[in-house]
Amino acid sequence: MSDETPDSLIPYDEIVQEALRAVVGRVLGEVEATGALPGGHHFYITFKTGAAGVEIPKHLTERFPDEMTIVIQNRFWDLKVRDDGFEVGLSFNQAPAKLVIPFSAITGFVDPAVNFALQFHAQAEEAGAQEHEQAENDHPGQEPAEDGSNVVSVDFSRKK
């Protein structure tokens, strides 16, 4: 018998990534339906700024050419969730901005209030993602915990 795992003809990694992105959509959809975040919940959402379908102001694209993290907490408006993504209004240095983000562009979702996190591979991911600073949209808050509790990271690297 061979120790090598055969390549799957079923794209399990893509199926799981899509299902986990649906979690983000469902959570945001519930916030949209109620019009507010419940309790102390708030979200850090990291996404690829150059991904297909992302629409953000030019000054944000210039500042974050690869990846950006936004915070959905106190100051957001016009949250609209679709099957393929969401749009939201946020303030950056007291300047309002509308962002359109497809779920396929999301690389991370964190709710620090309950120490919950999901990490994704960007679809059509570029090699060597650059470090980036937080977008610093106008919010008070704390950074997500780094201890790994409740973090779901899916990596279906294939052995060759």
C-alpha atoms as a PDB file:
ATOM      1  CA  MET A   1       0.000   0.000   0.000  1.00  0.00           C
ATOM      2  CA  SER A   2       1.130   3.518  -0.705  1.00  0.00           C
ATOM      3  CA  ASP A   3       1.499   6.175   1.998  1.00  0.00           C
ATOM      4  CA  GLU A   4       0.480   8.872  -0.479  1.00  0.00           C
ATOM      5  CA  THR A   5      -3.022  10.256  -0.300  1.00  0.00           C
ATOM      6  CA  PRO A   6      -4.645  10.180  -3.741  1.00  0.00           C
ATOM      7  CA  ASP A   7      -5.843  13.453  -5.274  1.00  0.00           C
ATOM      8  CA  SER A   8      -9.559  13.833  -4.726  1.00  0.00           C
ATOM      9  CA  LEU A   9     -11.884  14.275  -7.647  1.00  0.00           C
ATOM     10  CA  ILE A  10     -14.295  15.974  -5.238  1.00  0.00           C
ATOM     11  CA  PRO A  11     -13.271  19.557  -4.364  1.00  0.00           C
ATOM     12  CA  TYR A  12     -13.716  19.156  -0.598  1.00  0.00           C
ATOM     13  CA  ASP A  13     -11.625  22.218   0.223  1.00  0.00           C
ATOM     14  CA  GLU A  14     -13.785  24.478  -1.962  1.00  0.00           C
ATOM     15  CA  ILE A  15     -17.012  22.999  -0.576  1.00  0.00           C
ATOM     16  CA  VAL A  16     -15.930  23.544   3.042  1.00  0.00           C
ATOM     17  CA  GLN A  17     -14.669  27.076   2.361  1.00  0.00           C
ATOM     18  CA  GLU A  18     -17.989  27.952   0.723  1.00  0.00           C
ATOM     19  CA  ALA A  19     -19.946  26.515   3.665  1.00  0.00           C
ATOM     20  CA  LEU A  20     -17.883  28.471   6.201  1.00  0.00           C
ATOM     21  CA  ARG A  21     -18.318  31.684   4.212  1.00  0.00           C
ATOM     22  CA  ALA A  22     -22.069  31.023   4.434  1.00  0.00           C
ATOM     23  CA  VAL A  23     -21.677  31.291   8.233  1.00  0.00           C
ATOM     24  CA  VAL A  24     -20.442  34.867   7.762  1.00  0.00           C
ATOM     25  CA  GLY A  25     -23.405  35.596   5.499  1.00  0.00           C
ATOM     26  CA  ARG A  26     -25.894  34.194   7.966  1.00  0.00           C
ATOM     27  CA  VAL A  27     -24.444  36.158  10.888  1.00  0.00           C
ATOM     28  CA  LEU A  28     -24.411  39.400   8.902  1.00  0.00           C
ATOM     29  CA  GLY A  29     -27.928  38.641   7.630  1.00  0.00           C
ATOM     30  CA  GLU A  30     -29.209  38.395  11.201  1.00  0.00           C
ATOM     31  CA  VAL A  31     -27.593  41.751  12.031  1.00  0.00           C
ATOM     32  CA  GLU A  32     -29.215  43.237   8.920  1.00  0.00           C
ATOM     33  CA  ALA A  33     -32.634  41.817   9.901  1.00  0.00           C
ATOM     34  CA  THR A  34     -32.516  43.169  13.465  1.00  0.00           C
ATOM     35  CA  GLY A  35     -30.717  46.387  12.594  1.00  0.00           C
ATOM     36  CA  ALA A  36     -28.215  46.011  15.442  1.00  0.00           C
ATOM     37  CA  LEU A  37     -25.482  43.830  16.856  1.00  0.00           C
ATOM     38  CA  PRO A  38     -26.677  41.751  19.816  1.00  0.00           C
ATOM     39  CA  GLY A  39     -24.980  42.305  23.175  1.00  0.00           C
ATOM     40  CA  GLY A  40     -21.257  42.929  22.962  1.00  0.00           C
ATOM     41  CA  HIS A  41     -20.814  41.206  19.595  1.00  0.00           C
ATOM     42  CA  HIS A  42     -18.703  42.967  16.981  1.00  0.00           C
ATOM     43  CA  PHE A  43     -16.806  41.728  13.964  1.00  0.00           C
ATOM     44  CA  TYR A  44     -13.371  42.097  12.428  1.00  0.00           C
ATOM     45  CA  ILE A  45     -13.611  41.184   8.750  1.00  0.00           C
ATOM     46  CA  THR A  46     -10.425  40.863   6.687  1.00  0.00           C
ATOM     47  CA  PHE A  47     -10.679  40.763   2.905  1.00  0.00           C
ATOM     48  CA  LYS A  48      -8.581  41.028  -0.253  1.00  0.00           C
ATOM     49  CA  THR A  49      -8.993  44.564  -1.568  1.00  0.00           C
ATOM     50  CA  GLY A  50      -8.082  43.582  -5.124  1.00  0.00           C
ATOM     51  CA  ALA A  51     -10.453  40.608  -5.332  1.00  0.00           C
ATOM     52  CA  ALA A  52     -13.100  40.510  -8.034  1.00  0.00           C
ATOM     53  CA  GLY A  53     -16.252  42.334  -7.017  1.00  0.00           C
ATOM     54  CA  VAL A  54     -14.702  44.383  -4.185  1.00  0.00           C
ATOM     55  CA  GLU A  55     -15.772  48.023  -4.358  1.00  0.00           C
ATOM     56  CA  ILE A  56     -14.080  50.424  -1.942  1.00  0.00           C
ATOM     57  CA  PRO A  57     -13.006  54.062  -2.255  1.00  0.00           C
ATOM     58  CA  LYS A  58      -9.778  54.658  -4.164  1.00  0.00           C
ATOM     59  CA  HIS A  59      -7.960  56.127  -1.133  1.00  0.00           C
ATOM     60  CA  LEU A  60      -8.559  52.865   0.759  1.00  0.00           C
ATOM     61  CA  THR A  61      -7.345  50.755  -2.166  1.00  0.00           C
ATOM     62  CA  GLU A  62      -4.193  52.888  -2.306  1.00  0.00           C
ATOM     63  CA  ARG A  63      -3.617  52.510   1.439  1.00  0.00           C
ATOM     64  CA  PHE A  64      -4.460  48.798   1.467  1.00  0.00           C
ATOM     65  CA  PRO A  65      -3.439  47.408  -1.940  1.00  0.00           C
ATOM     66  CA  ASP A  66      -3.605  43.758  -0.834  1.00  0.00           C
ATOM     67  CA  GLU A  67      -5.708  43.185   2.268  1.00  0.00           C
ATOM     68  CA  MET A  68      -7.772  45.228   4.718  1.00  0.00           C
ATOM     69  CA  THR A  69      -9.516  44.612   8.042  1.00  0.00           C
ATOM     70  CA  ILE A  70     -12.722  46.472   8.872  1.00  0.00           C
ATOM     71  CA  VAL A  71     -14.652  46.557  12.126  1.00  0.00           C
ATOM     72  CA  ILE A  72     -18.429  46.238  12.305  1.00  0.00           C
ATOM     73  CA  GLN A  73     -19.284  47.570  15.753  1.00  0.00           C
ATOM     74  CA  ASN A  74     -20.767  50.926  16.705  1.00  0.00           C
ATOM     75  CA  ARG A  75     -20.596  53.065  13.604  1.00  0.00           C
ATOM     76  CA  PHE A  76     -21.943  51.281  10.551  1.00  0.00           C
ATOM     77  CA  TRP A  77     -25.020  51.781   8.406  1.00  0.00           C
ATOM     78  CA  ASP A  78     -26.896  50.466   5.371  1.00  0.00           C
ATOM     79  CA  LEU A  79     -25.796  46.859   5.897  1.00  0.00           C
ATOM     80  CA  LYS A  80     -27.177  44.828   3.009  1.00  0.00           C
ATOM     81  CA  VAL A  81     -26.440  41.125   2.704  1.00  0.00           C
ATOM     82  CA  ARG A  82     -26.778  39.273  -0.596  1.00  0.00           C
ATOM     83  CA  ASP A  83     -26.145  35.654  -1.517  1.00  0.00           C
ATOM     84  CA  ASP A  84     -22.675  36.472  -2.828  1.00  0.00           C
ATOM     85  CA  GLY A  85     -21.548  39.208  -0.422  1.00  0.00           C
ATOM     86  CA  PHE A  86     -22.486  42.305   1.527  1.00  0.00           C
ATOM     87  CA  GLU A  87     -22.256  46.064   1.476  1.00  0.00           C
ATOM     88  CA  VAL A  88     -21.899  48.375   4.430  1.00  0.00           C
ATOM     89  CA  GLY A  89     -21.343  52.019   5.209  1.00  0.00           C
ATOM     90  CA  LEU A  90     -18.392  52.815   7.483  1.00  0.00           C
ATOM     91  CA  SER A  91     -16.564  55.929   8.559  1.00  0.00           C
ATOM     92  CA  PHE A  92     -12.811  56.377   8.005  1.00  0.00           C
ATOM     93  CA  ASN A  93     -11.376  59.470   9.743  1.00  0.00           C
ATOM     94  CA  GLN A  94     -14.945  60.806   9.948  1.00  0.00           C
ATOM     95  CA  ALA A  95     -15.393  60.436   6.180  1.00  0.00           C
ATOM     96  CA  PRO A  96     -18.265  58.106   5.178  1.00  0.00           C
ATOM     97  CA  ALA A  97     -17.552  55.296   2.734  1.00  0.00           C
ATOM     98  CA  LYS A  98     -19.591  52.517   1.155  1.00  0.00           C
ATOM     99  CA  LEU A  99     -17.867  49.145   0.834  1.00  0.00           C
ATOM    100  CA  VAL A 100     -19.043  46.209  -1.282  1.00  0.00           C
ATOM    101  CA  ILE A 101     -17.368  42.944  -0.313  1.00  0.00           C
ATOM    102  CA  PRO A 102     -18.031  39.542  -1.905  1.00  0.00           C
ATOM    103  CA  PHE A 103     -17.834  36.619   0.514  1.00  0.00           C
ATOM    104  CA  SER A 104     -15.209  35.076  -1.784  1.00  0.00           C
ATOM    105  CA  ALA A 105     -12.838  37.976  -0.953  1.00  0.00           C
ATOM    106  CA  ILE A 106     -13.003  37.400   2.821  1.00  0.00           C
ATOM    107  CA  THR A 107      -9.913  35.867   4.428  1.00  0.00           C
ATOM    108  CA  GLY A 108     -10.878  36.265   8.075  1.00  0.00           C
ATOM    109  CA  PHE A 109     -13.905  36.769  10.324  1.00  0.00           C
ATOM    110  CA  VAL A 110     -13.528  37.334  14.074  1.00  0.00           C
ATOM    111  CA  ASP A 111     -16.079  38.013  16.808  1.00  0.00           C
ATOM    112  CA  PRO A 112     -13.845  38.838  19.795  1.00  0.00           C
ATOM    113  CA  ALA A 113     -16.844  39.110  22.145  1.00  0.00           C
ATOM    114  CA  VAL A 114     -17.127  35.318  22.113  1.00  0.00           C
ATOM    115  CA  ASN A 115     -13.605  34.470  20.950  1.00  0.00           C
ATOM    116  CA  PHE A 116     -14.825  33.043  17.633  1.00  0.00           C
ATOM    117  CA  ALA A 117     -12.819  33.187  14.414  1.00  0.00           C
ATOM    118  CA  LEU A 118     -12.851  31.769  10.901  1.00  0.00           C
ATOM    119  CA  GLN A 119      -9.914  31.937   8.511  1.00  0.00           C
ATOM    120  CA  PHE A 120     -10.218  31.389   4.782  1.00  0.00           C
ATOM    121  CA  HIS A 121      -7.999  31.002   1.779  1.00  0.00           C
ATOM    122  CA  ALA A 122      -8.710  33.834  -0.613  1.00  0.00           C
ATOM    123  CA  GLN A 123     -10.145  32.528  -3.830  1.00  0.00           C
ATOM    124  CA  ALA A 124      -7.573  33.073  -6.568  1.00  0.00           C
ATOM    125  CA  GLU A 125      -5.130  33.828  -3.770  1.00  0.00           C
ATOM    126  CA  GLU A 126      -1.924  35.594  -4.625  1.00  0.00           C
ATOM    127  CA  ALA A 127       1.330  34.161  -3.318  1.00  0.00           C
ATOM    128  CA  GLY A 128       2.880  35.890  -0.330  1.00  0.00           C
ATOM    129  CA  ALA A 129       0.203  38.092   1.183  1.00  0.00           C
ATOM    130  CA  GLN A 130       1.601  41.303   2.569  1.00  0.00           C
ATOM    131  CA  GLU A 131       1.301  42.371   6.194  1.00  0.00           C
ATOM    132  CA  HIS A 132      -1.173  45.190   6.589  1.00  0.00           C
ATOM    133  CA  GLU A 133      -2.331  47.566   9.247  1.00  0.00           C
ATOM    134  CA  GLN A 134      -5.932  47.676  10.435  1.00  0.00           C
ATOM    135  CA  ALA A 135      -8.183  49.949   8.410  1.00  0.00           C
ATOM    136  CA  GLU A 136      -8.945  51.913  11.555  1.00  0.00           C
ATOM    137  CA  ASN A 137     -12.497  52.685  10.641  1.00  0.00           C
ATOM    138  CA  ASP A 138     -13.894  54.784  13.447  1.00  0.00           C
ATOM    139  CA  HIS A 139     -14.504  52.445  16.397  1.00  0.00           C
ATOM    140  CA  PRO A 140     -13.538  51.918  19.982  1.00  0.00           C
ATOM    141  CA  GLY A 141     -12.607  48.368  20.777  1.00  0.00           C
ATOM    142  CA  GLN A 142     -10.126  45.682  21.468  1.00  0.00           C
ATOM    143  CA  GLU A 143      -8.072  43.399  19.309  1.00  0.00           C
ATOM    144  CA  PRO A 144      -9.170  39.798  18.809  1.00  0.00           C
ATOM    145  CA  ALA A 145      -7.654  37.185  21.092  1.00  0.00           C
ATOM    146  CA  GLU A 146      -4.602  35.430  19.702  1.00  0.00           C
ATOM    147  CA  ASP A 147      -4.789  32.249  21.780  1.00  0.00           C
ATOM    148  CA  GLY A 148      -6.473  30.211  19.049  1.00  0.00           C
ATOM    149  CA  SER A 149      -9.666  29.472  21.005  1.00  0.00           C
ATOM    150  CA  ASN A 150     -12.635  28.785  18.758  1.00  0.00           C
ATOM    151  CA  VAL A 151     -10.595  29.426  15.619  1.00  0.00           C
ATOM    152  CA  VAL A 152     -11.520  27.340  12.622  1.00  0.00           C
ATOM    153  CA  SER A 153      -8.787  27.247  10.019  1.00  0.00           C
ATOM    154  CA  VAL A 154      -9.234  24.993   7.042  1.00  0.00           C
ATOM    155  CA  ASP A 155      -6.163  24.030   5.035  1.00  0.00           C
ATOM    156  CA  PHE A 156      -6.542  21.253   2.523  1.00  0.00           C
ATOM    157  CA  SER A 157      -3.007  21.218   1.225  1.00  0.00           C
ATOM    158  CA  ARG A 158      -2.479  18.293  -1.041  1.00  0.00           C
ATOM    159  CA  LYS A 159       0.464  15.962  -0.646  1.00  0.00           C
ATOM    160  CA  LYS A 160       2.330  15.431  -3.857  1.00  0.00           C
END
